[in-house]
PDB file of all heavy atoms in Angstrom:
ATOM      1  N   VAL A   1      59.405-129.069   7.826  1.00  0.00           N
ATOM      2  CA  VAL A   1      60.488-128.797   6.875  1.00  0.00           C
ATOM      3  C   VAL A   1      61.707-129.619   7.267  1.00  0.00           C
ATOM      4  O   VAL A   1      62.200-129.513   8.396  1.00  0.00           O
ATOM      5  CB  VAL A   1      60.834-127.302   6.858  1.00  0.00           C
ATOM      6  CG1 VAL A   1      62.005-127.037   5.902  1.00  0.00           C
ATOM      7  CG2 VAL A   1      59.620-126.479   6.455  1.00  0.00           C
ATOM      8  N   LEU A   2      62.181-130.452   6.357  1.00  0.00           N
ATOM      9  CA  LEU A   2      63.389-131.234   6.581  1.00  0.00           C
ATOM     10  C   LEU A   2      64.583-130.492   5.999  1.00  0.00           C
ATOM     11  O   LEU A   2      64.540-130.014   4.870  1.00  0.00           O
ATOM     12  CB  LEU A   2      63.275-132.609   5.925  1.00  0.00           C
ATOM     13  CG  LEU A   2      62.090-133.488   6.353  1.00  0.00           C
ATOM     14  CD1 LEU A   2      62.177-134.846   5.661  1.00  0.00           C
ATOM     15  CD2 LEU A   2      62.047-133.662   7.867  1.00  0.00           C
ATOM     16  N   LYS A   3      65.637-130.394   6.800  1.00  0.00           N
ATOM     17  CA  LYS A   3      66.859-129.745   6.345  1.00  0.00           C
ATOM     18  C   LYS A   3      68.051-130.613   6.719  1.00  0.00           C
ATOM     19  O   LYS A   3      68.795-130.317   7.643  1.00  0.00           O
ATOM     20  CB  LYS A   3      66.990-128.344   6.946  1.00  0.00           C
ATOM     21  CG  LYS A   3      66.134-127.305   6.241  1.00  0.00           C
ATOM     22  CD  LYS A   3      66.484-125.899   6.679  1.00  0.00           C
ATOM     23  CE  LYS A   3      65.812-124.870   5.779  1.00  0.00           C
ATOM     24  NZ  LYS A   3      66.096-123.486   6.188  1.00  0.00           N
ATOM     25  N   GLY A   4      68.208-131.694   5.958  1.00  0.00           N
ATOM     26  CA  GLY A   4      69.354-132.548   6.199  1.00  0.00           C
ATOM     27  C   GLY A   4      70.654-131.815   5.990  1.00  0.00           C
ATOM     28  O   GLY A   4      71.685-132.200   6.543  1.00  0.00           O
ATOM     29  N   ILE A   5      70.613-130.733   5.208  1.00  0.00           N
ATOM     30  CA  ILE A   5      71.821-129.968   4.908  1.00  0.00           C
ATOM     31  C   ILE A   5      72.000-128.789   5.874  1.00  0.00           C
ATOM     32  O   ILE A   5      72.955-128.035   5.744  1.00  0.00           O
ATOM     33  CB  ILE A   5      71.801-129.472   3.445  1.00  0.00           C
ATOM     34  CG1 ILE A   5      70.388-128.995   3.016  1.00  0.00           C
ATOM     35  CG2 ILE A   5      72.221-130.606   2.509  1.00  0.00           C
ATOM     36  CD1 ILE A   5      69.933-127.723   3.615  1.00  0.00           C
ATOM     37  N   ALA A   6      71.095-128.647   6.843  1.00  0.00           N
ATOM     38  CA  ALA A   6      71.206-127.565   7.824  1.00  0.00           C
ATOM     39  C   ALA A   6      71.107-128.071   9.255  1.00  0.00           C
ATOM     40  O   ALA A   6      71.746-127.528  10.157  1.00  0.00           O
ATOM     41  CB  ALA A   6      70.133-126.511   7.591  1.00  0.00           C
ATOM     42  N   LYS A   7      70.273-129.103   9.480  1.00  0.00           N
ATOM     43  CA  LYS A   7      70.066-129.622  10.837  1.00  0.00           C
ATOM     44  C   LYS A   7      70.605-131.039  11.011  1.00  0.00           C
ATOM     45  O   LYS A   7      70.317-131.680  12.021  1.00  0.00           O
ATOM     46  CB  LYS A   7      68.577-129.624  11.171  1.00  0.00           C
ATOM     47  CG  LYS A   7      67.909-128.264  11.203  1.00  0.00           C
ATOM     48  CD  LYS A   7      66.462-128.428  11.643  1.00  0.00           C
ATOM     49  CE  LYS A   7      65.689-127.155  11.553  1.00  0.00           C
ATOM     50  NZ  LYS A   7      64.289-127.336  11.983  1.00  0.00           N
ATOM     51  N   THR A   8      71.319-131.530  10.054  1.00  0.00           N
ATOM     52  CA  THR A   8      71.900-132.877   9.979  1.00  0.00           C
ATOM     53  C   THR A   8      70.889-133.885   9.440  1.00  0.00           C
ATOM     54  O   THR A   8      69.681-133.766   9.649  1.00  0.00           O
ATOM     55  CB  THR A   8      72.437-133.414  11.322  1.00  0.00           C
ATOM     56  OG1 THR A   8      71.367-133.793  12.177  1.00  0.00           O
ATOM     57  CG2 THR A   8      73.346-132.400  11.998  1.00  0.00           C
ATOM     58  N   LEU A   9      71.437-134.862   8.761  1.00  0.00           N
ATOM     59  CA  LEU A   9      70.628-135.957   8.236  1.00  0.00           C
ATOM     60  C   LEU A   9      70.040-136.773   9.383  1.00  0.00           C
ATOM     61  O   LEU A   9      68.903-137.239   9.306  1.00  0.00           O
ATOM     62  CB  LEU A   9      71.494-136.847   7.336  1.00  0.00           C
ATOM     63  CG  LEU A   9      70.785-137.943   6.554  1.00  0.00           C
ATOM     64  CD1 LEU A   9      69.753-137.359   5.597  1.00  0.00           C
ATOM     65  CD2 LEU A   9      71.805-138.784   5.784  1.00  0.00           C
ATOM     66  N   SER A  10      70.803-136.921  10.466  1.00  0.00           N
ATOM     67  CA  SER A  10      70.324-137.695  11.617  1.00  0.00           C
ATOM     68  C   SER A  10      69.046-137.108  12.193  1.00  0.00           C
ATOM     69  O   SER A  10      68.078-137.835  12.457  1.00  0.00           O
ATOM     70  CB  SER A  10      71.407-137.747  12.706  1.00  0.00           C
ATOM     71  OG  SER A  10      72.517-138.510  12.289  1.00  0.00           O
ATOM     72  N   VAL A  11      69.017-135.800  12.392  1.00  0.00           N
ATOM     73  CA  VAL A  11      67.814-135.150  12.915  1.00  0.00           C
ATOM     74  C   VAL A  11      66.678-135.251  11.900  1.00  0.00           C
ATOM     75  O   VAL A  11      65.520-135.486  12.266  1.00  0.00           O
ATOM     76  CB  VAL A  11      68.102-133.683  13.270  1.00  0.00           C
ATOM     77  CG1 VAL A  11      66.811-132.926  13.583  1.00  0.00           C
ATOM     78  CG2 VAL A  11      69.051-133.597  14.470  1.00  0.00           C
ATOM     79  N   SER A  12      66.977-135.099  10.621  1.00  0.00           N
ATOM     80  CA  SER A  12      65.942-135.147   9.588  1.00  0.00           C
ATOM     81  C   SER A  12      65.270-136.509   9.519  1.00  0.00           C
ATOM     82  O   SER A  12      64.054-136.599   9.311  1.00  0.00           O
ATOM     83  CB  SER A  12      66.542-134.790   8.222  1.00  0.00           C
ATOM     84  OG  SER A  12      66.996-133.453   8.224  1.00  0.00           O
ATOM     85  N   PHE A  13      66.036-137.586   9.689  1.00  0.00           N
ATOM     86  CA  PHE A  13      65.432-138.918   9.742  1.00  0.00           C
ATOM     87  C   PHE A  13      64.385-138.987  10.861  1.00  0.00           C
ATOM     88  O   PHE A  13      63.279-139.515  10.680  1.00  0.00           O
ATOM     89  CB  PHE A  13      66.509-139.977   9.995  1.00  0.00           C
ATOM     90  CG  PHE A  13      67.331-140.348   8.793  1.00  0.00           C
ATOM     91  CD1 PHE A  13      68.525-141.029   8.947  1.00  0.00           C
ATOM     92  CD2 PHE A  13      66.919-140.029   7.508  1.00  0.00           C
ATOM     93  CE1 PHE A  13      69.294-141.396   7.849  1.00  0.00           C
ATOM     94  CE2 PHE A  13      67.682-140.380   6.396  1.00  0.00           C
ATOM     95  CZ  PHE A  13      68.873-141.058   6.573  1.00  0.00           C
ATOM     96  N   LYS A  14      64.730-138.461  12.019  1.00  0.00           N
ATOM     97  CA  LYS A  14      63.829-138.520  13.171  1.00  0.00           C
ATOM     98  C   LYS A  14      62.569-137.692  12.939  1.00  0.00           C
ATOM     99  O   LYS A  14      61.452-138.123  13.264  1.00  0.00           O
ATOM    100  CB  LYS A  14      64.551-138.029  14.425  1.00  0.00           C
ATOM    101  CG  LYS A  14      65.709-138.920  14.851  1.00  0.00           C
ATOM    102  CD  LYS A  14      66.423-138.360  16.067  1.00  0.00           C
ATOM    103  CE  LYS A  14      67.582-139.250  16.489  1.00  0.00           C
ATOM    104  NZ  LYS A  14      68.285-138.708  17.692  1.00  0.00           N
ATOM    105  N   ILE A  15      62.714-136.492  12.361  1.00  0.00           N
ATOM    106  CA  ILE A  15      61.555-135.629  12.109  1.00  0.00           C
ATOM    107  C   ILE A  15      60.660-136.232  11.026  1.00  0.00           C
ATOM    108  O   ILE A  15      59.430-136.164  11.100  1.00  0.00           O
ATOM    109  CB  ILE A  15      62.002-134.214  11.720  1.00  0.00           C
ATOM    110  CG1 ILE A  15      62.881-133.600  12.821  1.00  0.00           C
ATOM    111  CG2 ILE A  15      60.802-133.324  11.449  1.00  0.00           C
ATOM    112  CD1 ILE A  15      62.251-133.572  14.190  1.00  0.00           C
ATOM    113  N   ALA A  16      61.262-136.847  10.013  1.00  0.00           N
ATOM    114  CA  ALA A  16      60.477-137.505   8.961  1.00  0.00           C
ATOM    115  C   ALA A  16      59.633-138.633   9.554  1.00  0.00           C
ATOM    116  O   ALA A  16      58.487-138.855   9.129  1.00  0.00           O
ATOM    117  CB  ALA A  16      61.409-138.045   7.877  1.00  0.00           C
ATOM    118  N   LYS A  17      60.165-139.344  10.517  1.00  0.00           N
ATOM    119  CA  LYS A  17      59.422-140.423  11.165  1.00  0.00           C
ATOM    120  C   LYS A  17      58.207-139.875  11.915  1.00  0.00           C
ATOM    121  O   LYS A  17      57.099-140.422  11.828  1.00  0.00           O
ATOM    122  CB  LYS A  17      60.341-141.182  12.122  1.00  0.00           C
ATOM    123  CG  LYS A  17      59.697-142.358  12.857  1.00  0.00           C
ATOM    124  CD  LYS A  17      60.744-143.115  13.674  1.00  0.00           C
ATOM    125  CE  LYS A  17      60.140-144.293  14.425  1.00  0.00           C
ATOM    126  NZ  LYS A  17      59.270-143.851  15.542  1.00  0.00           N
ATOM    127  N   VAL A  18      58.393-138.757  12.641  1.00  0.00           N
ATOM    128  CA  VAL A  18      57.274-138.138  13.356  1.00  0.00           C
ATOM    129  C   VAL A  18      56.204-137.680  12.363  1.00  0.00           C
ATOM    130  O   VAL A  18      55.004-137.883  12.585  1.00  0.00           O
ATOM    131  CB  VAL A  18      57.758-136.939  14.197  1.00  0.00           C
ATOM    132  CG1 VAL A  18      56.577-136.166  14.782  1.00  0.00           C
ATOM    133  CG2 VAL A  18      58.660-137.417  15.330  1.00  0.00           C
ATOM    134  N   ALA A  19      56.620-137.062  11.264  1.00  0.00           N
ATOM    135  CA  ALA A  19      55.665-136.593  10.259  1.00  0.00           C
ATOM    136  C   ALA A  19      54.856-137.754   9.691  1.00  0.00           C
ATOM    137  O   ALA A  19      53.629-137.664   9.549  1.00  0.00           O
ATOM    138  CB  ALA A  19      56.409-135.868   9.142  1.00  0.00           C
ATOM    139  N   HIS A  20      55.530-138.846   9.368  1.00  0.00           N
ATOM    140  CA  HIS A  20      54.856-140.004   8.796  1.00  0.00           C
ATOM    141  C   HIS A  20      53.844-140.592   9.768  1.00  0.00           C
ATOM    142  O   HIS A  20      52.719-140.945   9.393  1.00  0.00           O
ATOM    143  CB  HIS A  20      55.894-141.053   8.407  1.00  0.00           C
ATOM    144  CG  HIS A  20      55.325-142.257   7.727  1.00  0.00           C
ATOM    145  ND1 HIS A  20      55.002-143.410   8.409  1.00  0.00           N
ATOM    146  CD2 HIS A  20      55.003-142.484   6.423  1.00  0.00           C
ATOM    147  CE1 HIS A  20      54.524-144.295   7.561  1.00  0.00           C
ATOM    148  NE2 HIS A  20      54.521-143.769   6.353  1.00  0.00           N
ATOM    149  N   GLU A  21      54.206-140.685  11.020  1.00  0.00           N
ATOM    150  CA  GLU A  21      53.323-141.265  12.033  1.00  0.00           C
ATOM    151  C   GLU A  21      52.106-140.393  12.318  1.00  0.00           C
ATOM    152  O   GLU A  21      51.085-140.885  12.803  1.00  0.00           O
ATOM    153  CB  GLU A  21      54.112-141.491  13.326  1.00  0.00           C
ATOM    154  CG  GLU A  21      55.150-142.598  13.214  1.00  0.00           C
ATOM    155  CD  GLU A  21      56.085-142.663  14.414  1.00  0.00           C
ATOM    156  OE1 GLU A  21      56.090-141.707  15.233  1.00  0.00           O
ATOM    157  OE2 GLU A  21      56.821-143.664  14.529  1.00  0.00           O
ATOM    158  N   ASN A  22      52.204-139.098  12.003  1.00  0.00           N
ATOM    159  CA  ASN A  22      51.104-138.168  12.270  1.00  0.00           C
ATOM    160  C   ASN A  22      50.436-137.659  10.993  1.00  0.00           C
ATOM    161  O   ASN A  22      49.660-136.700  11.035  1.00  0.00           O
ATOM    162  CB  ASN A  22      51.610-136.988  13.093  1.00  0.00           C
ATOM    163  CG  ASN A  22      51.954-137.379  14.518  1.00  0.00           C
ATOM    164  OD1 ASN A  22      51.092-137.394  15.387  1.00  0.00           O
ATOM    165  ND2 ASN A  22      53.214-137.724  14.758  1.00  0.00           N
ATOM    166  N   ASN A  23      50.733-138.311   9.853  1.00  0.00           N
ATOM    167  CA  ASN A  23      50.109-137.971   8.572  1.00  0.00           C
ATOM    168  C   ASN A  23      50.300-136.494   8.225  1.00  0.00           C
ATOM    169  O   ASN A  23      49.372-135.796   7.808  1.00  0.00           O
ATOM    170  CB  ASN A  23      48.617-138.307   8.580  1.00  0.00           C
ATOM    171  CG  ASN A  23      48.017-138.339   7.188  1.00  0.00           C
ATOM    172  OD1 ASN A  23      48.710-138.659   6.218  1.00  0.00           O
ATOM    173  ND2 ASN A  23      46.747-137.997   7.074  1.00  0.00           N
ATOM    174  N   VAL A  24      51.519-136.022   8.421  1.00  0.00           N
ATOM    175  CA  VAL A  24      51.876-134.637   8.135  1.00  0.00           C
ATOM    176  C   VAL A  24      52.867-134.623   6.979  1.00  0.00           C
ATOM    177  O   VAL A  24      53.752-135.476   6.890  1.00  0.00           O
ATOM    178  CB  VAL A  24      52.488-133.977   9.396  1.00  0.00           C
ATOM    179  CG1 VAL A  24      53.208-132.698   9.060  1.00  0.00           C
ATOM    180  CG2 VAL A  24      51.393-133.713  10.424  1.00  0.00           C
ATOM    181  N   ALA A  25      52.726-133.656   6.079  1.00  0.00           N
ATOM    182  CA  ALA A  25      53.583-133.565   4.900  1.00  0.00           C
ATOM    183  C   ALA A  25      54.976-133.059   5.260  1.00  0.00           C
ATOM    184  O   ALA A  25      55.180-132.437   6.309  1.00  0.00           O
ATOM    185  CB  ALA A  25      52.948-132.648   3.862  1.00  0.00           C
ATOM    186  N   CYS A  26      55.927-133.303   4.373  1.00  0.00           N
ATOM    187  CA  CYS A  26      57.281-132.786   4.524  1.00  0.00           C
ATOM    188  C   CYS A  26      57.733-132.143   3.219  1.00  0.00           C
ATOM    189  O   CYS A  26      57.298-132.530   2.132  1.00  0.00           O
ATOM    190  CB  CYS A  26      58.271-133.898   4.877  1.00  0.00           C
ATOM    191  SG  CYS A  26      58.138-134.552   6.546  1.00  0.00           S
ATOM    192  N   ILE A  27      58.599-131.154   3.347  1.00  0.00           N
ATOM    193  CA  ILE A  27      59.327-130.622   2.198  1.00  0.00           C
ATOM    194  C   ILE A  27      60.797-130.533   2.584  1.00  0.00           C
ATOM    195  O   ILE A  27      61.149-130.646   3.765  1.00  0.00           O
ATOM    196  CB  ILE A  27      58.827-129.222   1.767  1.00  0.00           C
ATOM    197  CG1 ILE A  27      59.181-128.170   2.829  1.00  0.00           C
ATOM    198  CG2 ILE A  27      57.349-129.228   1.474  1.00  0.00           C
ATOM    199  CD1 ILE A  27      59.120-126.753   2.321  1.00  0.00           C
ATOM    200  N   CYS A  28      61.652-130.325   1.604  1.00  0.00           N
ATOM    201  CA  CYS A  28      63.072-130.125   1.864  1.00  0.00           C
ATOM    202  C   CYS A  28      63.459-128.713   1.440  1.00  0.00           C
ATOM    203  O   CYS A  28      63.372-128.373   0.251  1.00  0.00           O
ATOM    204  CB  CYS A  28      63.912-131.153   1.111  1.00  0.00           C
ATOM    205  SG  CYS A  28      63.829-132.817   1.811  1.00  0.00           S
ATOM    206  N   ALA A  29      63.848-127.885   2.405  1.00  0.00           N
ATOM    207  CA  ALA A  29      64.219-126.493   2.124  1.00  0.00           C
ATOM    208  C   ALA A  29      65.734-126.356   2.093  1.00  0.00           C
ATOM    209  O   ALA A  29      66.469-127.109   2.726  1.00  0.00           O
ATOM    210  CB  ALA A  29      63.615-125.565   3.175  1.00  0.00           C
ATOM    211  N   ASP A  30      66.196-125.348   1.377  1.00  0.00           N
ATOM    212  CA  ASP A  30      67.617-125.176   1.096  1.00  0.00           C
ATOM    213  C   ASP A  30      68.311-124.341   2.171  1.00  0.00           C
ATOM    214  O   ASP A  30      67.684-123.693   3.003  1.00  0.00           O
ATOM    215  CB  ASP A  30      67.790-124.502  -0.265  1.00  0.00           C
ATOM    216  CG  ASP A  30      69.181-124.720  -0.859  1.00  0.00           C
ATOM    217  OD1 ASP A  30      69.970-125.485  -0.275  1.00  0.00           O
ATOM    218  OD2 ASP A  30      69.468-124.127  -1.909  1.00  0.00           O
ATOM    219  N   LEU A  31      69.631-124.346   2.102  1.00  0.00           N
ATOM    220  CA  LEU A  31      70.478-123.463   2.893  1.00  0.00           C
ATOM    221  C   LEU A  31      71.489-122.806   1.952  1.00  0.00           C
ATOM    222  O   LEU A  31      72.571-122.426   2.366  1.00  0.00           O
ATOM    223  CB  LEU A  31      71.202-124.256   3.986  1.00  0.00           C
ATOM    224  CG  LEU A  31      71.820-123.463   5.125  1.00  0.00           C
ATOM    225  CD1 LEU A  31      70.744-122.896   6.040  1.00  0.00           C
ATOM    226  CD2 LEU A  31      72.770-124.341   5.945  1.00  0.00           C
ATOM    227  N   THR A  32      71.122-122.719   0.668  1.00  0.00           N
ATOM    228  CA  THR A  32      72.035-122.252  -0.379  1.00  0.00           C
ATOM    229  C   THR A  32      73.286-123.120  -0.386  1.00  0.00           C
ATOM    230  O   THR A  32      74.415-122.636  -0.253  1.00  0.00           O
ATOM    231  CB  THR A  32      72.384-120.760  -0.199  1.00  0.00           C
ATOM    232  OG1 THR A  32      71.198-120.020   0.062  1.00  0.00           O
ATOM    233  CG2 THR A  32      73.022-120.194  -1.472  1.00  0.00           C
ATOM    234  N   VAL A  33      73.074-124.420  -0.555  1.00  0.00           N
ATOM    235  CA  VAL A  33      74.180-125.363  -0.469  1.00  0.00           C
ATOM    236  C   VAL A  33      74.854-125.553  -1.822  1.00  0.00           C
ATOM    237  O   VAL A  33      74.346-125.157  -2.871  1.00  0.00           O
ATOM    238  CB  VAL A  33      73.706-126.724   0.077  1.00  0.00           C
ATOM    239  CG1 VAL A  33      73.193-126.578   1.505  1.00  0.00           C
ATOM    240  CG2 VAL A  33      72.649-127.363  -0.825  1.00  0.00           C
ATOM    241  N   ASN A  34      76.023-126.191  -1.767  1.00  0.00           N
ATOM    242  CA  ASN A  34      76.801-126.464  -2.973  1.00  0.00           C
ATOM    243  C   ASN A  34      76.195-127.635  -3.753  1.00  0.00           C
ATOM    244  O   ASN A  34      75.307-128.328  -3.250  1.00  0.00           O
ATOM    245  CB  ASN A  34      78.264-126.717  -2.606  1.00  0.00           C
ATOM    246  CG  ASN A  34      78.445-127.917  -1.692  1.00  0.00           C
ATOM    247  OD1 ASN A  34      78.071-129.036  -2.037  1.00  0.00           O
ATOM    248  ND2 ASN A  34      79.014-127.698  -0.506  1.00  0.00           N
ATOM    249  N   PRO A  35      76.643-127.866  -4.990  1.00  0.00           N
ATOM    250  CA  PRO A  35      76.014-128.887  -5.840  1.00  0.00           C
ATOM    251  C   PRO A  35      76.013-130.303  -5.259  1.00  0.00           C
ATOM    252  O   PRO A  35      75.034-131.031  -5.423  1.00  0.00           O
ATOM    253  CB  PRO A  35      76.825-128.812  -7.133  1.00  0.00           C
ATOM    254  CG  PRO A  35      77.285-127.386  -7.196  1.00  0.00           C
ATOM    255  CD  PRO A  35      77.595-127.035  -5.771  1.00  0.00           C
TER     256      PRO A  35
END
């Protein structure tokens, strides 16, 4: 689960890279953020 709006965009970039390298899916979950 990527949460650029909860764990920072910087961390999400890194986790997305790990997912891609290991053929694992990603989704983006909310934090009840503003528009």
